[in-house]
Amino acid sequence: MREFDYKSLTPRELAEGLGRGEEPILLDVREPWEYELARIQGSRLVPLADLPDRLHELDPEAEAVVICHHGLRSAHATRFLDRSGFRNVYNLEGGLDAYSAVDDSVPRY
């Protein structure tokens, strides 16, 4: 039995996958000002509050990794997407803050 009702990836798993050339949709659900401070290259900004109205912009069949600052907002978004029919959606554990420890191109804020 899973502890959470959503799937997740560790920062190292994401960094290794990107390093191998994997290209999941990197869905950043933070606010625009946060996105300007730090982001994973190639990520797409869709603030959490806008997500329900922008579902039509996303491919429910594509693999996606949802990102926020510490992993809480992205966990909510991951659950929402899963319940909306997206089956290959993963929460980035620890968010961008944790990811910055494995990718020095991403500043910590």
N, C-alpha and C. Protein backbone atom coordinates (compact mmCIF):
# COMPACT_ATOMS: atom_id res chain seq x y z
N MET A 1 0.84 -1.19 0.00
CA MET A 1 0.00 0.00 0.00
C MET A 1 0.88 1.25 0.00
N ARG A 2 0.54 2.20 -0.88
CA ARG A 2 1.33 3.43 -0.95
C ARG A 2 0.96 4.35 0.20
N GLU A 3 1.97 5.07 0.66
CA GLU A 3 1.74 6.03 1.72
C GLU A 3 0.95 7.23 1.19
N PHE A 4 1.18 7.60 -0.09
CA PHE A 4 0.52 8.74 -0.70
C PHE A 4 -0.41 8.26 -1.80
N ASP A 5 -1.35 9.10 -2.18
CA ASP A 5 -2.25 8.73 -3.25
C ASP A 5 -1.83 9.35 -4.59
N TYR A 6 -0.53 9.55 -4.76
CA TYR A 6 0.01 10.05 -6.01
C TYR A 6 1.41 9.47 -6.19
N LYS A 7 1.91 9.53 -7.42
CA LYS A 7 3.26 9.04 -7.72
C LYS A 7 4.25 10.18 -7.57
N SER A 8 5.48 9.83 -7.27
CA SER A 8 6.50 10.87 -7.10
C SER A 8 7.84 10.40 -7.63
N LEU A 9 8.71 11.38 -7.86
CA LEU A 9 10.10 11.14 -8.26
C LEU A 9 11.00 11.90 -7.30
N THR A 10 12.16 11.36 -7.03
CA THR A 10 13.14 12.10 -6.24
C THR A 10 13.87 13.07 -7.16
N PRO A 11 14.47 14.10 -6.61
CA PRO A 11 15.25 15.01 -7.43
C PRO A 11 16.35 14.28 -8.23
N ARG A 12 17.01 13.32 -7.61
CA ARG A 12 18.07 12.58 -8.31
C ARG A 12 17.48 11.78 -9.48
N GLU A 13 16.33 11.14 -9.28
CA GLU A 13 15.70 10.40 -10.38
C GLU A 13 15.37 11.32 -11.55
N LEU A 14 14.85 12.51 -11.25
CA LEU A 14 14.54 13.45 -12.32
C LEU A 14 15.81 13.92 -13.02
N ALA A 15 16.82 14.30 -12.26
CA ALA A 15 18.07 14.78 -12.86
C ALA A 15 18.71 13.70 -13.73
N GLU A 16 18.71 12.46 -13.26
CA GLU A 16 19.28 11.37 -14.05
C GLU A 16 18.48 11.13 -15.32
N GLY A 17 17.17 11.18 -15.22
CA GLY A 17 16.32 11.00 -16.40
C GLY A 17 16.56 12.10 -17.43
N LEU A 18 16.61 13.34 -16.96
CA LEU A 18 16.88 14.45 -17.88
C LEU A 18 18.27 14.30 -18.51
N GLY A 19 19.22 13.83 -17.71
CA GLY A 19 20.57 13.61 -18.22
C GLY A 19 20.64 12.52 -19.28
N ARG A 20 19.72 11.57 -19.23
CA ARG A 20 19.65 10.51 -20.24
C ARG A 20 18.85 10.94 -21.47
N GLY A 21 18.35 12.15 -21.45
CA GLY A 21 17.59 12.64 -22.59
C GLY A 21 16.09 12.45 -22.49
N GLU A 22 15.60 11.99 -21.35
CA GLU A 22 14.15 11.89 -21.18
C GLU A 22 13.56 13.29 -21.20
N GLU A 23 12.36 13.41 -21.73
CA GLU A 23 11.75 14.73 -21.88
C GLU A 23 10.32 14.78 -21.34
N PRO A 24 10.14 14.57 -20.04
CA PRO A 24 8.79 14.72 -19.50
C PRO A 24 8.38 16.19 -19.55
N ILE A 25 7.10 16.44 -19.51
CA ILE A 25 6.64 17.81 -19.33
C ILE A 25 7.01 18.20 -17.91
N LEU A 26 7.70 19.31 -17.76
CA LEU A 26 8.05 19.82 -16.44
C LEU A 26 7.06 20.93 -16.13
N LEU A 27 6.08 20.60 -15.33
CA LEU A 27 4.96 21.51 -15.04
C LEU A 27 5.21 22.21 -13.72
N ASP A 28 5.53 23.48 -13.78
CA ASP A 28 5.85 24.27 -12.60
C ASP A 28 4.59 24.99 -12.14
N VAL A 29 4.13 24.70 -10.93
CA VAL A 29 2.88 25.27 -10.43
C VAL A 29 3.10 26.40 -9.43
N ARG A 30 4.30 26.95 -9.40
CA ARG A 30 4.57 28.08 -8.50
C ARG A 30 4.01 29.37 -9.10
N GLU A 31 4.22 30.46 -8.42
CA GLU A 31 3.78 31.77 -8.89
C GLU A 31 4.83 32.36 -9.84
N PRO A 32 4.42 33.27 -10.72
CA PRO A 32 5.36 33.84 -11.69
C PRO A 32 6.62 34.44 -11.05
N TRP A 33 6.49 35.11 -9.91
CA TRP A 33 7.68 35.71 -9.29
C TRP A 33 8.66 34.63 -8.83
N GLU A 34 8.16 33.47 -8.40
CA GLU A 34 9.03 32.37 -7.99
C GLU A 34 9.74 31.78 -9.20
N TYR A 35 8.99 31.63 -10.26
CA TYR A 35 9.52 31.08 -11.52
C TYR A 35 10.66 31.95 -12.04
N GLU A 36 10.53 33.26 -11.88
CA GLU A 36 11.60 34.17 -12.31
C GLU A 36 12.86 34.01 -11.47
N LEU A 37 12.72 33.64 -10.21
CA LEU A 37 13.88 33.46 -9.33
C LEU A 37 14.69 32.21 -9.67
N ALA A 38 14.00 31.12 -9.97
CA ALA A 38 14.67 29.84 -10.20
C ALA A 38 13.71 28.89 -10.90
N ARG A 39 14.25 28.10 -11.82
CA ARG A 39 13.43 27.10 -12.52
C ARG A 39 14.34 26.09 -13.19
N ILE A 40 13.76 24.94 -13.49
CA ILE A 40 14.45 23.93 -14.27
C ILE A 40 14.27 24.31 -15.73
N GLN A 41 15.37 24.32 -16.45
CA GLN A 41 15.30 24.70 -17.86
C GLN A 41 14.29 23.83 -18.60
N GLY A 42 13.45 24.46 -19.38
CA GLY A 42 12.44 23.74 -20.14
C GLY A 42 11.12 23.56 -19.42
N SER A 43 11.05 24.02 -18.17
CA SER A 43 9.80 23.86 -17.43
C SER A 43 8.76 24.86 -17.93
N ARG A 44 7.51 24.51 -17.71
CA ARG A 44 6.38 25.31 -18.16
C ARG A 44 5.61 25.80 -16.94
N LEU A 45 5.39 27.09 -16.85
CA LEU A 45 4.69 27.68 -15.72
C LEU A 45 3.18 27.64 -15.91
N VAL A 46 2.49 26.98 -14.98
CA VAL A 46 1.04 27.01 -14.88
C VAL A 46 0.75 27.10 -13.38
N PRO A 47 0.58 28.32 -12.86
CA PRO A 47 0.34 28.45 -11.42
C PRO A 47 -0.81 27.56 -10.95
N LEU A 48 -0.68 27.05 -9.75
CA LEU A 48 -1.67 26.12 -9.21
C LEU A 48 -3.10 26.65 -9.32
N ALA A 49 -3.30 27.91 -9.02
CA ALA A 49 -4.65 28.48 -9.08
C ALA A 49 -5.21 28.48 -10.50
N ASP A 50 -4.35 28.48 -11.50
CA ASP A 50 -4.79 28.50 -12.90
C ASP A 50 -4.98 27.11 -13.49
N LEU A 51 -4.49 26.10 -12.81
CA LEU A 51 -4.47 24.75 -13.37
C LEU A 51 -5.84 24.23 -13.82
N PRO A 52 -6.90 24.35 -13.03
CA PRO A 52 -8.19 23.83 -13.50
C PRO A 52 -8.65 24.43 -14.82
N ASP A 53 -8.40 25.73 -15.01
CA ASP A 53 -8.83 26.40 -16.24
C ASP A 53 -7.89 26.16 -17.42
N ARG A 54 -6.72 25.58 -17.15
CA ARG A 54 -5.74 25.37 -18.23
C ARG A 54 -5.50 23.90 -18.54
N LEU A 55 -6.32 23.01 -17.98
CA LEU A 55 -6.16 21.58 -18.23
C LEU A 55 -6.15 21.26 -19.73
N HIS A 56 -6.95 21.97 -20.50
CA HIS A 56 -7.05 21.72 -21.94
C HIS A 56 -5.72 21.94 -22.66
N GLU A 57 -4.78 22.66 -22.03
CA GLU A 57 -3.48 22.92 -22.64
C GLU A 57 -2.52 21.73 -22.46
N LEU A 58 -2.87 20.79 -21.62
CA LEU A 58 -1.98 19.69 -21.26
C LEU A 58 -2.41 18.38 -21.90
N ASP A 59 -1.44 17.54 -22.22
CA ASP A 59 -1.71 16.23 -22.82
C ASP A 59 -1.86 15.20 -21.70
N PRO A 60 -3.05 14.63 -21.53
CA PRO A 60 -3.26 13.67 -20.44
C PRO A 60 -2.49 12.36 -20.63
N GLU A 61 -1.95 12.11 -21.82
CA GLU A 61 -1.18 10.89 -22.08
C GLU A 61 0.32 11.09 -21.86
N ALA A 62 0.77 12.32 -21.79
CA ALA A 62 2.21 12.61 -21.67
C ALA A 62 2.69 12.38 -20.24
N GLU A 63 3.95 12.03 -20.12
CA GLU A 63 4.57 11.95 -18.80
C GLU A 63 4.85 13.37 -18.33
N ALA A 64 4.48 13.66 -17.10
CA ALA A 64 4.68 15.00 -16.55
C ALA A 64 5.22 14.91 -15.13
N VAL A 65 6.11 15.85 -14.81
CA VAL A 65 6.62 16.00 -13.46
C VAL A 65 6.17 17.36 -12.98
N VAL A 66 5.47 17.38 -11.84
CA VAL A 66 4.93 18.62 -11.31
C VAL A 66 5.88 19.16 -10.24
N ILE A 67 6.16 20.45 -10.34
CA ILE A 67 7.20 21.09 -9.53
C ILE A 67 6.64 22.30 -8.80
N CYS A 68 7.04 22.45 -7.53
CA CYS A 68 6.80 23.69 -6.79
C CYS A 68 8.05 23.97 -5.95
N HIS A 69 7.92 24.78 -4.92
CA HIS A 69 9.10 25.13 -4.14
C HIS A 69 9.55 24.00 -3.21
N HIS A 70 8.62 23.44 -2.44
CA HIS A 70 8.98 22.39 -1.48
C HIS A 70 8.23 21.07 -1.68
N GLY A 71 7.32 21.01 -2.62
CA GLY A 71 6.62 19.77 -2.92
C GLY A 71 5.18 19.69 -2.46
N LEU A 72 4.69 20.68 -1.74
CA LEU A 72 3.32 20.62 -1.25
C LEU A 72 2.30 21.00 -2.32
N ARG A 73 2.50 22.16 -2.95
CA ARG A 73 1.57 22.57 -4.01
C ARG A 73 1.61 21.57 -5.17
N SER A 74 2.80 21.08 -5.49
CA SER A 74 2.89 20.12 -6.59
C SER A 74 2.22 18.80 -6.23
N ALA A 75 2.21 18.42 -4.96
CA ALA A 75 1.50 17.21 -4.54
C ALA A 75 -0.01 17.39 -4.76
N HIS A 76 -0.52 18.57 -4.40
CA HIS A 76 -1.95 18.85 -4.64
C HIS A 76 -2.24 18.81 -6.14
N ALA A 77 -1.37 19.43 -6.94
CA ALA A 77 -1.58 19.45 -8.39
C ALA A 77 -1.50 18.05 -8.97
N THR A 78 -0.57 17.24 -8.49
CA THR A 78 -0.42 15.87 -8.98
C THR A 78 -1.68 15.06 -8.70
N ARG A 79 -2.21 15.17 -7.50
CA ARG A 79 -3.46 14.48 -7.16
C ARG A 79 -4.61 14.97 -8.04
N PHE A 80 -4.69 16.29 -8.24
CA PHE A 80 -5.75 16.85 -9.08
C PHE A 80 -5.64 16.32 -10.51
N LEU A 81 -4.44 16.32 -11.06
CA LEU A 81 -4.25 15.83 -12.43
C LEU A 81 -4.58 14.35 -12.54
N ASP A 82 -4.15 13.57 -11.56
CA ASP A 82 -4.45 12.14 -11.56
C ASP A 82 -5.97 11.92 -11.56
N ARG A 83 -6.66 12.65 -10.73
CA ARG A 83 -8.12 12.51 -10.65
C ARG A 83 -8.82 13.06 -11.90
N SER A 84 -8.09 13.84 -12.69
CA SER A 84 -8.64 14.40 -13.93
C SER A 84 -8.29 13.55 -15.14
N GLY A 85 -7.70 12.37 -14.90
CA GLY A 85 -7.44 11.44 -15.99
C GLY A 85 -6.01 11.41 -16.49
N PHE A 86 -5.12 12.15 -15.89
CA PHE A 86 -3.70 12.13 -16.26
C PHE A 86 -3.05 10.98 -15.50
N ARG A 87 -2.49 10.01 -16.21
CA ARG A 87 -1.99 8.80 -15.55
C ARG A 87 -0.48 8.73 -15.38
N ASN A 88 0.25 9.57 -16.08
CA ASN A 88 1.72 9.54 -16.01
C ASN A 88 2.24 10.83 -15.38
N VAL A 89 1.70 11.16 -14.21
CA VAL A 89 2.03 12.40 -13.52
C VAL A 89 2.75 12.08 -12.22
N TYR A 90 3.86 12.79 -11.99
CA TYR A 90 4.69 12.55 -10.82
C TYR A 90 4.96 13.86 -10.09
N ASN A 91 4.94 13.81 -8.78
CA ASN A 91 5.31 14.95 -7.95
C ASN A 91 6.82 14.92 -7.73
N LEU A 92 7.47 16.07 -7.84
CA LEU A 92 8.89 16.15 -7.53
C LEU A 92 9.05 16.28 -6.01
N GLU A 93 9.55 15.22 -5.38
CA GLU A 93 9.72 15.20 -3.92
C GLU A 93 10.64 16.32 -3.46
N GLY A 94 10.18 17.10 -2.50
CA GLY A 94 11.01 18.17 -1.96
C GLY A 94 11.05 19.41 -2.83
N GLY A 95 10.41 19.36 -3.99
CA GLY A 95 10.31 20.51 -4.86
C GLY A 95 11.63 21.01 -5.42
N LEU A 96 11.57 22.22 -5.92
CA LEU A 96 12.74 22.84 -6.53
C LEU A 96 13.85 23.04 -5.51
N ASP A 97 13.47 23.25 -4.26
CA ASP A 97 14.47 23.43 -3.21
C ASP A 97 15.36 22.20 -3.11
N ALA A 98 14.77 21.01 -3.11
CA ALA A 98 15.55 19.77 -3.05
C ALA A 98 16.28 19.52 -4.37
N TYR A 99 15.64 19.86 -5.48
CA TYR A 99 16.28 19.64 -6.79
C TYR A 99 17.55 20.47 -6.94
N SER A 100 17.58 21.65 -6.34
CA SER A 100 18.76 22.51 -6.47
C SER A 100 20.01 21.85 -5.88
N ALA A 101 19.83 20.86 -5.00
CA ALA A 101 20.98 20.16 -4.42
C ALA A 101 21.61 19.17 -5.41
N VAL A 102 20.87 18.76 -6.45
CA VAL A 102 21.42 17.83 -7.43
C VAL A 102 21.69 18.47 -8.78
N ASP A 103 21.27 19.72 -8.96
CA ASP A 103 21.50 20.44 -10.21
C ASP A 103 21.92 21.85 -9.86
N ASP A 104 23.22 22.13 -9.94
CA ASP A 104 23.71 23.44 -9.50
C ASP A 104 23.36 24.57 -10.47
N SER A 105 22.70 24.26 -11.59
CA SER A 105 22.23 25.32 -12.48
C SER A 105 20.94 25.95 -11.95
N VAL A 106 20.34 25.31 -10.94
CA VAL A 106 19.09 25.81 -10.36
C VAL A 106 19.42 26.44 -9.00
N PRO A 107 19.29 27.76 -8.90
CA PRO A 107 19.61 28.42 -7.62
C PRO A 107 18.58 28.11 -6.55
N ARG A 108 19.03 28.11 -5.33
CA ARG A 108 18.14 27.92 -4.19
C ARG A 108 17.62 29.27 -3.75
N TYR A 109 16.37 29.34 -3.39
CA TYR A 109 15.81 30.62 -2.90
C TYR A 109 14.94 30.37 -1.69
